[in-house]
Amino acid sequence: MLSSERVKITMLSLANCGLKGDIIDVLDTIGTNENLVKLDISGNQMGDKGAFVLSKALQKNQKLRKLVWDNNSTTIVGFTAFGIALSRNRTLQQMPFPMSDLLASMKRNLLC
């Protein structure tokens, strides 16, 4: 639906749907989507794989302005990939810090 020419979705919330790896297909289409400006994918436990796909999409996307993606079991590896993508994206304007994931990742790294 996100990749359809006829459907012009500008805001999408998939928050707390528990999609896990199933959200990857959705994230894959964000890179070429010309209409989506707000996306909330928090609470889906997509892990680092989801963070990598989201990172790749953000490097291509020229429309997304707001992204919410906390509580997805992202680790320091996923955040590193995301940071690289963020440095290459010039359109994203709002993104609340994914505090739950950051704190959990920091806790894991301090305990290792």
N, C-alpha and C. Protein backbone atom coordinates (compact mmCIF):
# COMPACT_ATOMS: atom_id res chain seq x y z
N MET A 1 0.82 -1.18 0.00
CA MET A 1 0.00 0.00 0.00
C MET A 1 0.87 1.26 0.00
N LEU A 2 2.01 1.23 0.72
CA LEU A 2 2.89 2.40 0.75
C LEU A 2 3.58 2.66 -0.58
N SER A 3 3.74 1.63 -1.38
CA SER A 3 4.43 1.81 -2.65
C SER A 3 3.45 2.06 -3.80
N SER A 4 2.18 2.11 -3.52
CA SER A 4 1.17 2.32 -4.56
C SER A 4 1.16 3.77 -5.02
N GLU A 5 1.00 3.96 -6.30
CA GLU A 5 0.91 5.30 -6.88
C GLU A 5 -0.43 5.96 -6.54
N ARG A 6 -1.46 5.14 -6.39
CA ARG A 6 -2.81 5.67 -6.18
C ARG A 6 -3.11 5.99 -4.73
N VAL A 7 -2.46 5.33 -3.80
CA VAL A 7 -2.71 5.56 -2.38
C VAL A 7 -1.68 6.55 -1.85
N LYS A 8 -2.14 7.67 -1.34
CA LYS A 8 -1.25 8.74 -0.88
C LYS A 8 -1.32 8.87 0.64
N ILE A 9 -0.65 7.97 1.35
CA ILE A 9 -0.62 8.00 2.81
C ILE A 9 0.45 8.97 3.26
N THR A 10 0.06 9.94 4.10
CA THR A 10 1.04 10.92 4.59
C THR A 10 1.46 10.65 6.03
N MET A 11 0.59 9.97 6.81
CA MET A 11 0.90 9.63 8.19
C MET A 11 0.57 8.16 8.42
N LEU A 12 1.47 7.46 9.13
CA LEU A 12 1.24 6.05 9.40
C LEU A 12 1.73 5.73 10.80
N SER A 13 0.85 5.11 11.60
CA SER A 13 1.24 4.66 12.93
C SER A 13 1.05 3.15 13.02
N LEU A 14 2.15 2.47 13.24
CA LEU A 14 2.15 1.04 13.48
C LEU A 14 2.67 0.77 14.88
N ALA A 15 2.45 1.74 15.77
CA ALA A 15 2.97 1.66 17.13
C ALA A 15 2.35 0.50 17.90
N ASN A 16 3.22 -0.23 18.58
CA ASN A 16 2.81 -1.32 19.46
C ASN A 16 1.99 -2.40 18.78
N CYS A 17 2.29 -2.67 17.54
CA CYS A 17 1.61 -3.74 16.80
C CYS A 17 2.30 -5.08 17.00
N GLY A 18 3.51 -5.08 17.54
CA GLY A 18 4.24 -6.32 17.76
C GLY A 18 4.61 -7.03 16.48
N LEU A 19 4.93 -6.27 15.44
CA LEU A 19 5.21 -6.85 14.12
C LEU A 19 6.55 -7.58 14.04
N LYS A 20 7.48 -7.22 14.91
CA LYS A 20 8.83 -7.80 14.89
C LYS A 20 9.42 -7.76 13.48
N GLY A 21 9.88 -8.87 12.95
CA GLY A 21 10.51 -8.91 11.63
C GLY A 21 9.56 -8.62 10.48
N ASP A 22 8.25 -8.73 10.72
CA ASP A 22 7.28 -8.47 9.66
C ASP A 22 7.25 -7.00 9.24
N ILE A 23 7.81 -6.13 10.07
CA ILE A 23 7.81 -4.70 9.73
C ILE A 23 8.86 -4.37 8.67
N ILE A 24 9.76 -5.29 8.42
CA ILE A 24 10.84 -5.07 7.45
C ILE A 24 10.30 -4.69 6.07
N ASP A 25 9.26 -5.37 5.62
CA ASP A 25 8.68 -5.06 4.31
C ASP A 25 8.15 -3.63 4.26
N VAL A 26 7.55 -3.18 5.34
CA VAL A 26 7.05 -1.80 5.41
C VAL A 26 8.21 -0.83 5.34
N LEU A 27 9.25 -1.09 6.11
CA LEU A 27 10.41 -0.20 6.16
C LEU A 27 11.12 -0.12 4.81
N ASP A 28 11.11 -1.23 4.10
CA ASP A 28 11.75 -1.29 2.79
C ASP A 28 11.14 -0.29 1.80
N THR A 29 9.83 -0.06 1.90
CA THR A 29 9.16 0.83 0.95
C THR A 29 9.32 2.31 1.29
N ILE A 30 9.78 2.61 2.49
CA ILE A 30 9.89 4.01 2.92
C ILE A 30 10.93 4.77 2.10
N GLY A 31 11.95 4.10 1.66
CA GLY A 31 13.01 4.76 0.90
C GLY A 31 12.52 5.42 -0.37
N THR A 32 11.53 4.85 -1.00
CA THR A 32 11.03 5.40 -2.26
C THR A 32 9.67 6.06 -2.14
N ASN A 33 9.12 6.11 -0.93
CA ASN A 33 7.80 6.71 -0.75
C ASN A 33 7.87 8.22 -0.91
N GLU A 34 6.97 8.76 -1.71
CA GLU A 34 6.96 10.19 -2.01
C GLU A 34 5.95 10.98 -1.19
N ASN A 35 5.18 10.32 -0.32
CA ASN A 35 4.09 11.00 0.38
C ASN A 35 4.18 10.97 1.90
N LEU A 36 4.76 9.93 2.46
CA LEU A 36 4.79 9.73 3.90
C LEU A 36 5.65 10.79 4.59
N VAL A 37 5.05 11.54 5.52
CA VAL A 37 5.80 12.57 6.23
C VAL A 37 5.92 12.27 7.72
N LYS A 38 5.02 11.43 8.27
CA LYS A 38 5.08 11.06 9.68
C LYS A 38 4.94 9.56 9.82
N LEU A 39 5.85 8.96 10.60
CA LEU A 39 5.85 7.51 10.79
C LEU A 39 6.14 7.18 12.25
N ASP A 40 5.29 6.33 12.84
CA ASP A 40 5.51 5.84 14.20
C ASP A 40 5.56 4.32 14.14
N ILE A 41 6.74 3.76 14.39
CA ILE A 41 6.92 2.31 14.37
C ILE A 41 7.40 1.82 15.74
N SER A 42 7.14 2.60 16.76
CA SER A 42 7.61 2.23 18.10
C SER A 42 6.88 0.99 18.61
N GLY A 43 7.58 0.24 19.45
CA GLY A 43 6.99 -0.91 20.11
C GLY A 43 6.81 -2.14 19.26
N ASN A 44 7.63 -2.31 18.24
CA ASN A 44 7.48 -3.48 17.36
C ASN A 44 8.58 -4.52 17.52
N GLN A 45 9.57 -4.24 18.36
CA GLN A 45 10.64 -5.20 18.63
C GLN A 45 11.33 -5.69 17.34
N MET A 46 11.60 -4.76 16.45
CA MET A 46 12.18 -5.12 15.14
C MET A 46 13.67 -5.44 15.21
N GLY A 47 14.34 -5.06 16.29
CA GLY A 47 15.75 -5.38 16.47
C GLY A 47 16.67 -4.62 15.53
N ASP A 48 17.92 -5.05 15.50
CA ASP A 48 18.93 -4.38 14.68
C ASP A 48 18.66 -4.55 13.19
N LYS A 49 18.09 -5.68 12.79
CA LYS A 49 17.78 -5.87 11.38
C LYS A 49 16.82 -4.78 10.91
N GLY A 50 15.82 -4.49 11.71
CA GLY A 50 14.89 -3.40 11.38
C GLY A 50 15.59 -2.06 11.34
N ALA A 51 16.52 -1.84 12.26
CA ALA A 51 17.28 -0.58 12.28
C ALA A 51 18.12 -0.44 11.02
N PHE A 52 18.70 -1.54 10.54
CA PHE A 52 19.49 -1.50 9.30
C PHE A 52 18.62 -1.16 8.10
N VAL A 53 17.46 -1.78 8.00
CA VAL A 53 16.56 -1.52 6.87
C VAL A 53 16.04 -0.08 6.95
N LEU A 54 15.69 0.37 8.15
CA LEU A 54 15.25 1.75 8.33
C LEU A 54 16.36 2.72 7.95
N SER A 55 17.59 2.41 8.32
CA SER A 55 18.74 3.25 7.98
C SER A 55 18.91 3.38 6.47
N LYS A 56 18.80 2.27 5.81
CA LYS A 56 18.93 2.27 4.35
C LYS A 56 17.82 3.10 3.70
N ALA A 57 16.61 2.95 4.21
CA ALA A 57 15.47 3.70 3.67
C ALA A 57 15.64 5.20 3.90
N LEU A 58 16.12 5.58 5.07
CA LEU A 58 16.28 7.00 5.38
C LEU A 58 17.33 7.68 4.52
N GLN A 59 18.29 6.93 4.04
CA GLN A 59 19.31 7.51 3.17
C GLN A 59 18.73 7.90 1.82
N LYS A 60 17.65 7.23 1.43
CA LYS A 60 17.02 7.52 0.13
C LYS A 60 15.83 8.46 0.25
N ASN A 61 15.11 8.38 1.37
CA ASN A 61 13.85 9.10 1.52
C ASN A 61 14.06 10.61 1.57
N GLN A 62 13.26 11.34 0.83
CA GLN A 62 13.36 12.79 0.79
C GLN A 62 12.09 13.48 1.29
N LYS A 63 11.19 12.75 1.93
CA LYS A 63 9.92 13.32 2.37
C LYS A 63 9.65 13.19 3.86
N LEU A 64 10.11 12.13 4.50
CA LEU A 64 9.79 11.87 5.89
C LEU A 64 10.30 12.99 6.79
N ARG A 65 9.41 13.57 7.60
CA ARG A 65 9.76 14.69 8.47
C ARG A 65 9.81 14.28 9.95
N LYS A 66 8.95 13.30 10.33
CA LYS A 66 8.89 12.89 11.74
C LYS A 66 8.93 11.38 11.83
N LEU A 67 9.77 10.88 12.74
CA LEU A 67 9.93 9.45 12.96
C LEU A 67 9.95 9.16 14.45
N VAL A 68 9.13 8.19 14.86
CA VAL A 68 9.13 7.71 16.24
C VAL A 68 9.41 6.21 16.15
N TRP A 69 10.46 5.75 16.86
CA TRP A 69 10.83 4.33 16.71
C TRP A 69 11.43 3.71 17.96
N ASP A 70 10.99 4.11 19.12
CA ASP A 70 11.50 3.56 20.37
C ASP A 70 10.89 2.19 20.67
N ASN A 71 11.50 1.49 21.61
CA ASN A 71 11.02 0.19 22.09
C ASN A 71 11.00 -0.85 20.98
N ASN A 72 12.13 -0.96 20.30
CA ASN A 72 12.27 -1.91 19.19
C ASN A 72 13.45 -2.85 19.37
N SER A 73 13.99 -2.94 20.57
CA SER A 73 15.12 -3.84 20.86
C SER A 73 16.34 -3.54 19.99
N THR A 74 16.58 -2.27 19.76
CA THR A 74 17.74 -1.85 18.98
C THR A 74 18.96 -1.80 19.90
N THR A 75 20.08 -2.31 19.43
CA THR A 75 21.32 -2.29 20.22
C THR A 75 22.26 -1.23 19.65
N ILE A 76 23.44 -1.15 20.23
CA ILE A 76 24.44 -0.17 19.79
C ILE A 76 24.80 -0.37 18.31
N VAL A 77 24.74 -1.60 17.85
CA VAL A 77 25.04 -1.89 16.44
C VAL A 77 24.00 -1.24 15.54
N GLY A 78 22.73 -1.37 15.88
CA GLY A 78 21.66 -0.75 15.11
C GLY A 78 21.71 0.76 15.18
N PHE A 79 22.01 1.30 16.36
CA PHE A 79 22.12 2.75 16.51
C PHE A 79 23.27 3.32 15.70
N THR A 80 24.35 2.58 15.59
CA THR A 80 25.49 3.04 14.79
C THR A 80 25.10 3.15 13.33
N ALA A 81 24.45 2.14 12.81
CA ALA A 81 23.98 2.18 11.41
C ALA A 81 22.99 3.32 11.22
N PHE A 82 22.11 3.50 12.18
CA PHE A 82 21.11 4.57 12.09
C PHE A 82 21.78 5.95 12.10
N GLY A 83 22.81 6.10 12.93
CA GLY A 83 23.53 7.37 12.99
C GLY A 83 24.16 7.75 11.66
N ILE A 84 24.70 6.78 10.97
CA ILE A 84 25.29 7.02 9.64
C ILE A 84 24.19 7.49 8.68
N ALA A 85 23.06 6.81 8.72
CA ALA A 85 21.95 7.18 7.84
C ALA A 85 21.45 8.58 8.15
N LEU A 86 21.37 8.91 9.42
CA LEU A 86 20.88 10.23 9.81
C LEU A 86 21.78 11.33 9.29
N SER A 87 23.07 11.07 9.23
CA SER A 87 24.00 12.09 8.71
C SER A 87 23.82 12.32 7.22
N ARG A 88 23.17 11.38 6.54
CA ARG A 88 22.95 11.50 5.10
C ARG A 88 21.53 11.92 4.74
N ASN A 89 20.68 12.05 5.73
CA ASN A 89 19.28 12.44 5.50
C ASN A 89 19.13 13.91 5.84
N ARG A 90 18.58 14.68 4.92
CA ARG A 90 18.44 16.13 5.11
C ARG A 90 17.00 16.56 5.37
N THR A 91 16.06 15.64 5.41
CA THR A 91 14.66 16.02 5.53
C THR A 91 14.03 15.71 6.89
N LEU A 92 14.54 14.73 7.62
CA LEU A 92 13.97 14.36 8.91
C LEU A 92 14.16 15.51 9.89
N GLN A 93 13.06 16.00 10.47
CA GLN A 93 13.12 17.15 11.36
C GLN A 93 12.82 16.83 12.80
N GLN A 94 11.99 15.82 13.04
CA GLN A 94 11.60 15.46 14.40
C GLN A 94 11.81 13.98 14.62
N MET A 95 12.52 13.66 15.70
CA MET A 95 12.68 12.28 16.09
C MET A 95 12.98 12.23 17.58
N PRO A 96 11.96 11.91 18.38
CA PRO A 96 12.23 11.78 19.81
C PRO A 96 13.29 10.72 20.04
N PHE A 97 14.18 10.96 20.99
CA PHE A 97 15.21 9.98 21.32
C PHE A 97 14.56 8.65 21.68
N PRO A 98 15.01 7.56 21.13
CA PRO A 98 14.49 6.24 21.50
C PRO A 98 15.08 5.81 22.85
N MET A 99 14.60 6.45 23.92
CA MET A 99 15.20 6.30 25.24
C MET A 99 15.17 4.88 25.79
N SER A 100 14.07 4.16 25.61
CA SER A 100 13.99 2.79 26.13
C SER A 100 15.09 1.92 25.54
N ASP A 101 15.24 2.01 24.23
CA ASP A 101 16.26 1.21 23.56
C ASP A 101 17.67 1.68 23.91
N LEU A 102 17.87 2.98 23.99
CA LEU A 102 19.19 3.50 24.34
C LEU A 102 19.61 3.05 25.74
N LEU A 103 18.69 3.18 26.70
CA LEU A 103 19.02 2.78 28.08
C LEU A 103 19.28 1.28 28.17
N ALA A 104 18.46 0.48 27.50
CA ALA A 104 18.67 -0.97 27.53
C ALA A 104 19.99 -1.35 26.88
N SER A 105 20.34 -0.68 25.79
CA SER A 105 21.59 -0.96 25.09
C SER A 105 22.79 -0.57 25.95
N MET A 106 22.69 0.59 26.58
CA MET A 106 23.77 1.03 27.46
C MET A 106 23.94 0.08 28.63
N LYS A 107 22.84 -0.37 29.20
CA LYS A 107 22.88 -1.29 30.33
C LYS A 107 23.56 -2.61 29.92
N ARG A 108 23.19 -3.13 28.76
CA ARG A 108 23.81 -4.38 28.27
C ARG A 108 25.30 -4.21 28.07
N ASN A 109 25.72 -3.08 27.48
CA ASN A 109 27.14 -2.85 27.20
C ASN A 109 27.94 -2.61 28.46
N LEU A 110 27.34 -2.04 29.48
CA LEU A 110 28.05 -1.81 30.74
C LEU A 110 28.22 -3.10 31.53
N LEU A 111 27.29 -4.03 31.37
CA LEU A 111 27.35 -5.29 32.09
C LEU A 111 28.26 -6.31 31.44
N CYS A 112 28.63 -6.09 30.19
CA CYS A 112 29.48 -7.06 29.46
C CYS A 112 30.93 -6.93 29.86
